[in-house]
């Protein structure tokens, strides 16, 4: 799940998203994205998945990240994770 070593020395909160391709509930060929967080003063309880079309979906979590947070079967799919107002890198297919 994302390499936080480079980010760990920073004091600002960070969200690192990582992606793979595989099967999801939308079909056999999906972009699957997970994330890890660091440097949050308080454990966030919600994250948002933002997709290439601008749609946003909110989910609950209670740990340092989620291994399977979001998925899309769009051939040009992108996913960005947002936690407590902090946005991750954008993960793209390919």
PDB file of N, CA and C in Angstrom:
ATOM      1  N   UNK A   1       0.821  -1.180   0.000  1.00  0.00           N
ATOM      2  CA  UNK A   1       0.000   0.000   0.000  1.00  0.00           C
ATOM      3  C   UNK A   1       0.864   1.241   0.000  1.00  0.00           C
ATOM      4  N   UNK A   2       1.197   1.896  -0.896  1.00  0.00           N
ATOM      5  CA  UNK A   2       1.852   3.186  -0.891  1.00  0.00           C
ATOM      6  C   UNK A   2       3.079   3.244  -0.017  1.00  0.00           C
ATOM      7  N   UNK A   3       4.061   3.955  -0.434  1.00  0.00           N
ATOM      8  CA  UNK A   3       5.297   4.105   0.313  1.00  0.00           C
ATOM      9  C   UNK A   3       5.230   5.402   1.088  1.00  0.00           C
ATOM     10  N   UNK A   4       5.031   5.291   2.393  1.00  0.00           N
ATOM     11  CA  UNK A   4       4.925   6.478   3.236  1.00  0.00           C
ATOM     12  C   UNK A   4       6.272   6.920   3.781  1.00  0.00           C
ATOM     13  N   UNK A   5       7.356   6.182   3.529  1.00  0.00           N
ATOM     14  CA  UNK A   5       8.659   6.563   4.086  1.00  0.00           C
ATOM     15  C   UNK A   5       9.038   7.982   3.694  1.00  0.00           C
ATOM     16  N   UNK A   6       8.839   8.350   2.443  1.00  0.00           N
ATOM     17  CA  UNK A   6       9.188   9.695   1.987  1.00  0.00           C
ATOM     18  C   UNK A   6       8.282  10.737   2.621  1.00  0.00           C
ATOM     19  N   UNK A   7       7.071  10.358   2.958  1.00  0.00           N
ATOM     20  CA  UNK A   7       6.113  11.310   3.511  1.00  0.00           C
ATOM     21  C   UNK A   7       6.162  11.374   5.034  1.00  0.00           C
ATOM     22  N   UNK A   8       6.701  10.352   5.680  1.00  0.00           N
ATOM     23  CA  UNK A   8       6.643  10.253   7.133  1.00  0.00           C
ATOM     24  C   UNK A   8       7.360  11.393   7.832  1.00  0.00           C
ATOM     25  N   UNK A   9       8.387  11.953   7.218  1.00  0.00           N
ATOM     26  CA  UNK A   9       9.130  13.026   7.867  1.00  0.00           C
ATOM     27  C   UNK A   9       8.379  14.355   7.796  1.00  0.00           C
ATOM     28  N   UNK A  10       7.404  14.463   6.941  1.00  0.00           N
ATOM     29  CA  UNK A  10       6.599  15.674   6.839  1.00  0.00           C
ATOM     30  C   UNK A  10       5.639  15.747   8.017  1.00  0.00           C
ATOM     31  N   UNK A  11       5.349  16.959   8.454  1.00  0.00           N
ATOM     32  CA  UNK A  11       4.389  17.087   9.544  1.00  0.00           C
ATOM     33  C   UNK A  11       2.956  17.215   9.046  1.00  0.00           C
ATOM     34  N   UNK A  12       2.782  17.578   7.789  1.00  0.00           N
ATOM     35  CA  UNK A  12       1.433  17.717   7.236  1.00  0.00           C
ATOM     36  C   UNK A  12       0.821  16.344   6.976  1.00  0.00           C
ATOM     37  N   UNK A  13      -0.488  16.228   7.148  1.00  0.00           N
ATOM     38  CA  UNK A  13      -1.143  14.951   6.829  1.00  0.00           C
ATOM     39  C   UNK A  13      -0.985  14.611   5.348  1.00  0.00           C
ATOM     40  N   UNK A  14      -0.855  13.321   5.066  1.00  0.00           N
ATOM     41  CA  UNK A  14      -0.723  12.855   3.688  1.00  0.00           C
ATOM     42  C   UNK A  14      -1.626  11.648   3.456  1.00  0.00           C
ATOM     43  N   UNK A  15      -2.072  11.519   2.208  1.00  0.00           N
ATOM     44  CA  UNK A  15      -2.847  10.366   1.750  1.00  0.00           C
ATOM     45  C   UNK A  15      -2.138   9.847   0.513  1.00  0.00           C
ATOM     46  N   UNK A  16      -1.740   8.573   0.546  1.00  0.00           N
ATOM     47  CA  UNK A  16      -1.039   7.968  -0.582  1.00  0.00           C
ATOM     48  C   UNK A  16      -1.920   6.861  -1.157  1.00  0.00           C
ATOM     49  N   UNK A  17      -2.317   7.036  -2.414  1.00  0.00           N
ATOM     50  CA  UNK A  17      -3.166   6.055  -3.094  1.00  0.00           C
ATOM     51  C   UNK A  17      -2.314   5.148  -3.973  1.00  0.00           C
ATOM     52  N   UNK A  18      -2.695   3.884  -4.034  1.00  0.00           N
ATOM     53  CA  UNK A  18      -2.032   2.915  -4.903  1.00  0.00           C
ATOM     54  C   UNK A  18      -3.104   2.159  -5.678  1.00  0.00           C
ATOM     55  N   UNK A  19      -2.762   1.738  -6.891  1.00  0.00           N
ATOM     56  CA  UNK A  19      -3.737   1.048  -7.712  1.00  0.00           C
ATOM     57  C   UNK A  19      -3.212  -0.211  -8.351  1.00  0.00           C
ATOM     58  N   UNK A  20      -4.135  -1.103  -8.625  1.00  0.00           N
ATOM     59  CA  UNK A  20      -3.866  -2.322  -9.382  1.00  0.00           C
ATOM     60  C   UNK A  20      -5.055  -2.526 -10.310  1.00  0.00           C
ATOM     61  N   UNK A  21      -4.923  -3.478 -11.199  1.00  0.00           N
ATOM     62  CA  UNK A  21      -6.046  -3.829 -12.065  1.00  0.00           C
ATOM     63  C   UNK A  21      -6.465  -5.257 -11.756  1.00  0.00           C
ATOM     64  N   UNK A  22      -7.763  -5.490 -11.772  1.00  0.00           N
ATOM     65  CA  UNK A  22      -8.275  -6.822 -11.477  1.00  0.00           C
ATOM     66  C   UNK A  22      -9.786  -6.836 -11.469  1.00  0.00           C
ATOM     67  N   UNK A  23     -10.341  -7.916 -10.954  1.00  0.00           N
ATOM     68  CA  UNK A  23     -11.793  -8.114 -10.911  1.00  0.00           C
ATOM     69  C   UNK A  23     -12.397  -7.294  -9.775  1.00  0.00           C
ATOM     70  N   UNK A  24     -13.576  -6.722 -10.064  1.00  0.00           N
ATOM     71  CA  UNK A  24     -14.358  -6.042  -9.033  1.00  0.00           C
ATOM     72  C   UNK A  24     -15.832  -6.336  -9.294  1.00  0.00           C
ATOM     73  N   UNK A  25     -16.715  -5.757  -8.501  1.00  0.00           N
ATOM     74  CA  UNK A  25     -18.145  -6.035  -8.672  1.00  0.00           C
ATOM     75  C   UNK A  25     -18.700  -5.491  -9.983  1.00  0.00           C
ATOM     76  N   UNK A  26     -17.914  -4.647 -10.667  1.00  0.00           N
ATOM     77  CA  UNK A  26     -18.349  -4.084 -11.937  1.00  0.00           C
ATOM     78  C   UNK A  26     -17.892  -4.914 -13.140  1.00  0.00           C
ATOM     79  N   UNK A  27     -17.045  -5.926 -12.904  1.00  0.00           N
ATOM     80  CA  UNK A  27     -16.578  -6.770 -13.997  1.00  0.00           C
ATOM     81  C   UNK A  27     -15.164  -7.273 -13.778  1.00  0.00           C
ATOM     82  N   UNK A  28     -14.599  -7.948 -14.781  1.00  0.00           N
ATOM     83  CA  UNK A  28     -13.291  -8.582 -14.637  1.00  0.00           C
ATOM     84  C   UNK A  28     -12.106  -7.638 -14.843  1.00  0.00           C
ATOM     85  N   UNK A  29     -12.342  -6.446 -15.354  1.00  0.00           N
ATOM     86  CA  UNK A  29     -11.235  -5.559 -15.718  1.00  0.00           C
ATOM     87  C   UNK A  29     -11.448  -4.184 -15.083  1.00  0.00           C
ATOM     88  N   UNK A  30     -11.017  -4.028 -13.840  1.00  0.00           N
ATOM     89  CA  UNK A  30     -11.265  -2.798 -13.088  1.00  0.00           C
ATOM     90  C   UNK A  30      -9.965  -2.193 -12.576  1.00  0.00           C
ATOM     91  N   UNK A  31      -9.993  -0.911 -12.341  1.00  0.00           N
ATOM     92  CA  UNK A  31      -8.948  -0.223 -11.601  1.00  0.00           C
ATOM     93  C   UNK A  31      -9.356  -0.272 -10.133  1.00  0.00           C
ATOM     94  N   UNK A  32      -8.516  -0.885  -9.292  1.00  0.00           N
ATOM     95  CA  UNK A  32      -8.771  -1.027  -7.860  1.00  0.00           C
ATOM     96  C   UNK A  32      -7.800  -0.119  -7.122  1.00  0.00           C
ATOM     97  N   UNK A  33      -8.299   0.708  -6.221  1.00  0.00           N
ATOM     98  CA  UNK A  33      -7.457   1.667  -5.523  1.00  0.00           C
ATOM     99  C   UNK A  33      -7.617   1.519  -4.018  1.00  0.00           C
ATOM    100  N   UNK A  34      -6.485   1.548  -3.338  1.00  0.00           N
ATOM    101  CA  UNK A  34      -6.445   1.576  -1.892  1.00  0.00           C
ATOM    102  C   UNK A  34      -5.617   2.768  -1.453  1.00  0.00           C
ATOM    103  N   UNK A  35      -5.509   2.981  -0.144  1.00  0.00           N
ATOM    104  CA  UNK A  35      -4.732   4.119   0.331  1.00  0.00           C
ATOM    105  C   UNK A  35      -4.208   3.902   1.741  1.00  0.00           C
ATOM    106  N   UNK A  36      -3.201   4.674   2.082  1.00  0.00           N
ATOM    107  CA  UNK A  36      -2.693   4.754   3.446  1.00  0.00           C
ATOM    108  C   UNK A  36      -2.633   6.231   3.824  1.00  0.00           C
ATOM    109  N   UNK A  37      -2.681   6.487   5.132  1.00  0.00           N
ATOM    110  CA  UNK A  37      -2.608   7.865   5.619  1.00  0.00           C
ATOM    111  C   UNK A  37      -1.483   7.977   6.643  1.00  0.00           C
ATOM    112  N   UNK A  38      -1.006   9.208   6.831  1.00  0.00           N
ATOM    113  CA  UNK A  38       0.003   9.476   7.854  1.00  0.00           C
ATOM    114  C   UNK A  38      -0.141  10.918   8.322  1.00  0.00           C
ATOM    115  N   UNK A  39       0.287  11.145   9.549  1.00  0.00           N
ATOM    116  CA  UNK A  39       0.409  12.481  10.138  1.00  0.00           C
ATOM    117  C   UNK A  39      -0.917  13.185  10.404  1.00  0.00           C
ATOM    118  N   UNK A  40      -1.990  12.466  10.575  1.00  0.00           N
ATOM    119  CA  UNK A  40      -3.250  13.078  10.983  1.00  0.00           C
ATOM    120  C   UNK A  40      -3.259  13.145  12.509  1.00  0.00           C
ATOM    121  N   UNK A  41      -3.634  14.289  13.076  1.00  0.00           N
ATOM    122  CA  UNK A  41      -3.670  14.445  14.535  1.00  0.00           C
ATOM    123  C   UNK A  41      -4.747  13.580  15.168  1.00  0.00           C
ATOM    124  N   UNK A  42      -5.860  13.442  14.475  1.00  0.00           N
ATOM    125  CA  UNK A  42      -6.993  12.647  14.944  1.00  0.00           C
ATOM    126  C   UNK A  42      -7.340  11.647  13.852  1.00  0.00           C
ATOM    127  N   UNK A  43      -7.680  10.432  14.249  1.00  0.00           N
ATOM    128  CA  UNK A  43      -8.037   9.398  13.270  1.00  0.00           C
ATOM    129  C   UNK A  43      -9.267   9.831  12.470  1.00  0.00           C
ATOM    130  N   UNK A  44      -9.113  10.049  11.154  1.00  0.00           N
ATOM    131  CA  UNK A  44     -10.288  10.363  10.332  1.00  0.00           C
ATOM    132  C   UNK A  44     -11.234   9.163  10.310  1.00  0.00           C
ATOM    133  N   UNK A  45     -12.501   9.433  10.105  1.00  0.00           N
ATOM    134  CA  UNK A  45     -13.498   8.363  10.078  1.00  0.00           C
ATOM    135  C   UNK A  45     -14.136   8.163   8.717  1.00  0.00           C
ATOM    136  N   UNK A  46     -13.861   9.078   7.786  1.00  0.00           N
ATOM    137  CA  UNK A  46     -14.476   8.986   6.459  1.00  0.00           C
ATOM    138  C   UNK A  46     -13.459   9.310   5.369  1.00  0.00           C
ATOM    139  N   UNK A  47     -13.663   8.697   4.225  1.00  0.00           N
ATOM    140  CA  UNK A  47     -12.868   9.036   3.045  1.00  0.00           C
ATOM    141  C   UNK A  47     -13.807   9.153   1.856  1.00  0.00           C
ATOM    142  N   UNK A  48     -13.352   9.867   0.843  1.00  0.00           N
ATOM    143  CA  UNK A  48     -14.137  10.085  -0.362  1.00  0.00           C
ATOM    144  C   UNK A  48     -13.361   9.539  -1.557  1.00  0.00           C
ATOM    145  N   UNK A  49     -14.042   8.816  -2.415  1.00  0.00           N
ATOM    146  CA  UNK A  49     -13.492   8.388  -3.698  1.00  0.00           C
ATOM    147  C   UNK A  49     -14.021   9.358  -4.742  1.00  0.00           C
ATOM    148  N   UNK A  50     -13.111   9.960  -5.481  1.00  0.00           N
ATOM    149  CA  UNK A  50     -13.509  10.859  -6.562  1.00  0.00           C
ATOM    150  C   UNK A  50     -13.082  10.236  -7.885  1.00  0.00           C
ATOM    151  N   UNK A  51     -14.022  10.143  -8.816  1.00  0.00           N
ATOM    152  CA  UNK A  51     -13.792   9.472 -10.086  1.00  0.00           C
ATOM    153  C   UNK A  51     -13.598  10.471 -11.217  1.00  0.00           C
ATOM    154  N   UNK A  52     -13.174   9.973 -12.376  1.00  0.00           N
ATOM    155  CA  UNK A  52     -12.833  10.816 -13.527  1.00  0.00           C
ATOM    156  C   UNK A  52     -13.974  11.723 -13.968  1.00  0.00           C
ATOM    157  N   UNK A  53     -15.191  11.332 -13.730  1.00  0.00           N
ATOM    158  CA  UNK A  53     -16.328  12.156 -14.149  1.00  0.00           C
ATOM    159  C   UNK A  53     -16.734  13.181 -13.094  1.00  0.00           C
ATOM    160  N   UNK A  54     -15.974  13.242 -11.995  1.00  0.00           N
ATOM    161  CA  UNK A  54     -16.271  14.194 -10.928  1.00  0.00           C
ATOM    162  C   UNK A  54     -17.184  13.653  -9.844  1.00  0.00           C
ATOM    163  N   UNK A  55     -17.731  12.452 -10.037  1.00  0.00           N
ATOM    164  CA  UNK A  55     -18.598  11.883  -9.011  1.00  0.00           C
ATOM    165  C   UNK A  55     -17.784  11.549  -7.767  1.00  0.00           C
ATOM    166  N   UNK A  56     -18.410  11.715  -6.615  1.00  0.00           N
ATOM    167  CA  UNK A  56     -17.750  11.516  -5.324  1.00  0.00           C
ATOM    168  C   UNK A  56     -18.631  10.635  -4.441  1.00  0.00           C
ATOM    169  N   UNK A  57     -18.007   9.637  -3.791  1.00  0.00           N
ATOM    170  CA  UNK A  57     -18.721   8.739  -2.892  1.00  0.00           C
ATOM    171  C   UNK A  57     -17.958   8.657  -1.574  1.00  0.00           C
ATOM    172  N   UNK A  58     -18.686   8.753  -0.478  1.00  0.00           N
ATOM    173  CA  UNK A  58     -18.071   8.771   0.849  1.00  0.00           C
ATOM    174  C   UNK A  58     -18.264   7.428   1.548  1.00  0.00           C
ATOM    175  N   UNK A  59     -17.197   6.977   2.257  1.00  0.00           N
ATOM    176  CA  UNK A  59     -17.208   5.714   2.985  1.00  0.00           C
ATOM    177  C   UNK A  59     -16.585   5.913   4.357  1.00  0.00           C
ATOM    178  N   UNK A  60     -16.872   5.007   5.261  1.00  0.00           N
ATOM    179  CA  UNK A  60     -16.298   5.035   6.619  1.00  0.00           C
ATOM    180  C   UNK A  60     -15.062   4.136   6.686  1.00  0.00           C
ATOM    181  N   UNK A  61     -14.126   4.506   7.575  1.00  0.00           N
ATOM    182  CA  UNK A  61     -12.983   3.639   7.889  1.00  0.00           C
ATOM    183  C   UNK A  61     -12.463   4.010   9.266  1.00  0.00           C
ATOM    184  N   UNK A  62     -11.638   3.147   9.853  1.00  0.00           N
ATOM    185  CA  UNK A  62     -11.150   3.399  11.209  1.00  0.00           C
ATOM    186  C   UNK A  62      -9.728   2.877  11.413  1.00  0.00           C
ATOM    187  N   UNK A  63      -8.894   3.038  10.389  1.00  0.00           N
ATOM    188  CA  UNK A  63      -7.526   2.530  10.492  1.00  0.00           C
ATOM    189  C   UNK A  63      -6.586   3.450   9.732  1.00  0.00           C
ATOM    190  N   UNK A  64      -5.367   2.979   9.489  1.00  0.00           N
ATOM    191  CA  UNK A  64      -4.371   3.761   8.774  1.00  0.00           C
ATOM    192  C   UNK A  64      -4.488   3.689   7.274  1.00  0.00           C
ATOM    193  N   UNK A  65      -5.583   3.108   6.798  1.00  0.00           N
ATOM    194  CA  UNK A  65      -5.795   3.013   5.361  1.00  0.00           C
ATOM    195  C   UNK A  65      -6.796   1.934   5.023  1.00  0.00           C
ATOM    196  N   UNK A  66      -7.020   1.768   3.736  1.00  0.00           N
ATOM    197  CA  UNK A  66      -7.968   0.775   3.242  1.00  0.00           C
ATOM    198  C   UNK A  66      -7.335   0.137   2.011  1.00  0.00           C
ATOM    199  N   UNK A  67      -7.240  -1.185   1.995  1.00  0.00           N
ATOM    200  CA  UNK A  67      -6.572  -1.855   0.872  1.00  0.00           C
ATOM    201  C   UNK A  67      -7.429  -1.855  -0.403  1.00  0.00           C
ATOM    202  N   UNK A  68      -8.746  -1.941  -0.275  1.00  0.00           N
ATOM    203  CA  UNK A  68      -9.648  -1.893  -1.426  1.00  0.00           C
ATOM    204  C   UNK A  68     -10.689  -0.826  -1.116  1.00  0.00           C
ATOM    205  N   UNK A  69     -10.390   0.404  -1.500  1.00  0.00           N
ATOM    206  CA  UNK A  69     -11.249   1.532  -1.152  1.00  0.00           C
ATOM    207  C   UNK A  69     -12.251   1.860  -2.252  1.00  0.00           C
ATOM    208  N   UNK A  70     -11.812   1.808  -3.517  1.00  0.00           N
ATOM    209  CA  UNK A  70     -12.641   2.236  -4.643  1.00  0.00           C
ATOM    210  C   UNK A  70     -12.293   1.409  -5.868  1.00  0.00           C
ATOM    211  N   UNK A  71     -13.230   1.362  -6.803  1.00  0.00           N
ATOM    212  CA  UNK A  71     -12.977   0.644  -8.057  1.00  0.00           C
ATOM    213  C   UNK A  71     -13.788   1.281  -9.174  1.00  0.00           C
ATOM    214  N   UNK A  72     -13.256   1.177 -10.390  1.00  0.00           N
ATOM    215  CA  UNK A  72     -13.987   1.606 -11.578  1.00  0.00           C
ATOM    216  C   UNK A  72     -13.631   0.672 -12.730  1.00  0.00           C
ATOM    217  N   UNK A  73     -14.607   0.452 -13.602  1.00  0.00           N
ATOM    218  CA  UNK A  73     -14.330  -0.355 -14.793  1.00  0.00           C
ATOM    219  C   UNK A  73     -14.223   0.517 -16.040  1.00  0.00           C
ATOM    220  N   UNK A  74     -14.171   1.818 -15.868  1.00  0.00           N
ATOM    221  CA  UNK A  74     -14.025   2.730 -17.001  1.00  0.00           C
ATOM    222  C   UNK A  74     -12.650   2.543 -17.645  1.00  0.00           C
ATOM    223  N   UNK A  75     -12.584   2.446 -18.971  1.00  0.00           N
ATOM    224  CA  UNK A  75     -11.287   2.269 -19.635  1.00  0.00           C
ATOM    225  C   UNK A  75     -10.344   3.464 -19.437  1.00  0.00           C
ATOM    226  N   UNK A  76     -10.896   4.627 -19.158  1.00  0.00           N
ATOM    227  CA  UNK A  76     -10.070   5.815 -18.899  1.00  0.00           C
ATOM    228  C   UNK A  76     -10.192   6.253 -17.446  1.00  0.00           C
ATOM    229  N   UNK A  77     -10.449   5.303 -16.578  1.00  0.00           N
ATOM    230  CA  UNK A  77     -10.731   5.607 -15.187  1.00  0.00           C
ATOM    231  C   UNK A  77      -9.583   6.245 -14.426  1.00  0.00           C
ATOM    232  N   UNK A  78      -9.942   7.181 -13.558  1.00  0.00           N
ATOM    233  CA  UNK A  78      -9.014   7.747 -12.585  1.00  0.00           C
ATOM    234  C   UNK A  78      -9.727   7.795 -11.248  1.00  0.00           C
ATOM    235  N   UNK A  79      -8.952   7.667 -10.179  1.00  0.00           N
ATOM    236  CA  UNK A  79      -9.516   7.751  -8.830  1.00  0.00           C
ATOM    237  C   UNK A  79      -8.565   8.563  -7.965  1.00  0.00           C
ATOM    238  N   UNK A  80      -9.146   9.506  -7.228  1.00  0.00           N
ATOM    239  CA  UNK A  80      -8.415  10.280  -6.226  1.00  0.00           C
ATOM    240  C   UNK A  80      -9.124  10.067  -4.896  1.00  0.00           C
ATOM    241  N   UNK A  81      -8.364   9.880  -3.835  1.00  0.00           N
ATOM    242  CA  UNK A  81      -8.918   9.688  -2.499  1.00  0.00           C
ATOM    243  C   UNK A  81      -8.790  11.004  -1.737  1.00  0.00           C
ATOM    244  N   UNK A  82      -9.808  11.340  -0.967  1.00  0.00           N
ATOM    245  CA  UNK A  82      -9.747  12.515  -0.102  1.00  0.00           C
ATOM    246  C   UNK A  82     -10.087  12.095   1.316  1.00  0.00           C
ATOM    247  N   UNK A  83      -9.236  12.477   2.267  1.00  0.00           N
ATOM    248  CA  UNK A  83      -9.454  12.184   3.677  1.00  0.00           C
ATOM    249  C   UNK A  83      -9.316  13.493   4.445  1.00  0.00           C
ATOM    250  N   UNK A  84     -10.364  13.892   5.133  1.00  0.00           N
ATOM    251  CA  UNK A  84     -10.350  15.108   5.963  1.00  0.00           C
ATOM    252  C   UNK A  84      -9.806  16.311   5.190  1.00  0.00           C
ATOM    253  N   UNK A  85     -10.206  16.431   3.932  1.00  0.00           N
ATOM    254  CA  UNK A  85      -9.780  17.560   3.109  1.00  0.00           C
ATOM    255  C   UNK A  85      -8.424  17.411   2.452  1.00  0.00           C
ATOM    256  N   UNK A  86      -7.713  16.329   2.725  1.00  0.00           N
ATOM    257  CA  UNK A  86      -6.391  16.074   2.137  1.00  0.00           C
ATOM    258  C   UNK A  86      -6.568  15.122   0.962  1.00  0.00           C
ATOM    259  N   UNK A  87      -6.103  15.545  -0.203  1.00  0.00           N
ATOM    260  CA  UNK A  87      -6.262  14.739  -1.414  1.00  0.00           C
ATOM    261  C   UNK A  87      -5.004  13.910  -1.699  1.00  0.00           C
ATOM    262  N   UNK A  88      -5.235  12.715  -2.195  1.00  0.00           N
ATOM    263  CA  UNK A  88      -4.143  11.825  -2.577  1.00  0.00           C
ATOM    264  C   UNK A  88      -3.654  12.175  -3.984  1.00  0.00           C
ATOM    265  N   UNK A  89      -2.630  11.465  -4.404  1.00  0.00           N
ATOM    266  CA  UNK A  89      -2.253  11.433  -5.807  1.00  0.00           C
ATOM    267  C   UNK A  89      -3.414  10.796  -6.579  1.00  0.00           C
ATOM    268  N   UNK A  90      -3.535  11.097  -7.837  1.00  0.00           N
ATOM    269  CA  UNK A  90      -4.572  10.499  -8.682  1.00  0.00           C
ATOM    270  C   UNK A  90      -4.002   9.238  -9.328  1.00  0.00           C
ATOM    271  N   UNK A  91      -4.750   8.151  -9.200  1.00  0.00           N
ATOM    272  CA  UNK A  91      -4.345   6.873  -9.794  1.00  0.00           C
ATOM    273  C   UNK A  91      -5.090   6.717 -11.119  1.00  0.00           C
ATOM    274  N   UNK A  92      -4.349   6.368 -12.172  1.00  0.00           N
ATOM    275  CA  UNK A  92      -4.944   6.202 -13.491  1.00  0.00           C
ATOM    276  C   UNK A  92      -4.709   4.780 -13.994  1.00  0.00           C
ATOM    277  N   UNK A  93      -5.506   4.373 -14.948  1.00  0.00           N
ATOM    278  CA  UNK A  93      -5.332   3.049 -15.558  1.00  0.00           C
ATOM    279  C   UNK A  93      -4.116   3.064 -16.462  1.00  0.00           C
ATOM    280  N   UNK A  94      -3.472   1.903 -16.540  1.00  0.00           N
ATOM    281  CA  UNK A  94      -2.366   1.736 -17.480  1.00  0.00           C
ATOM    282  C   UNK A  94      -1.110   2.012 -16.836  1.00  0.00           C
TER     283      UNK A  94
END
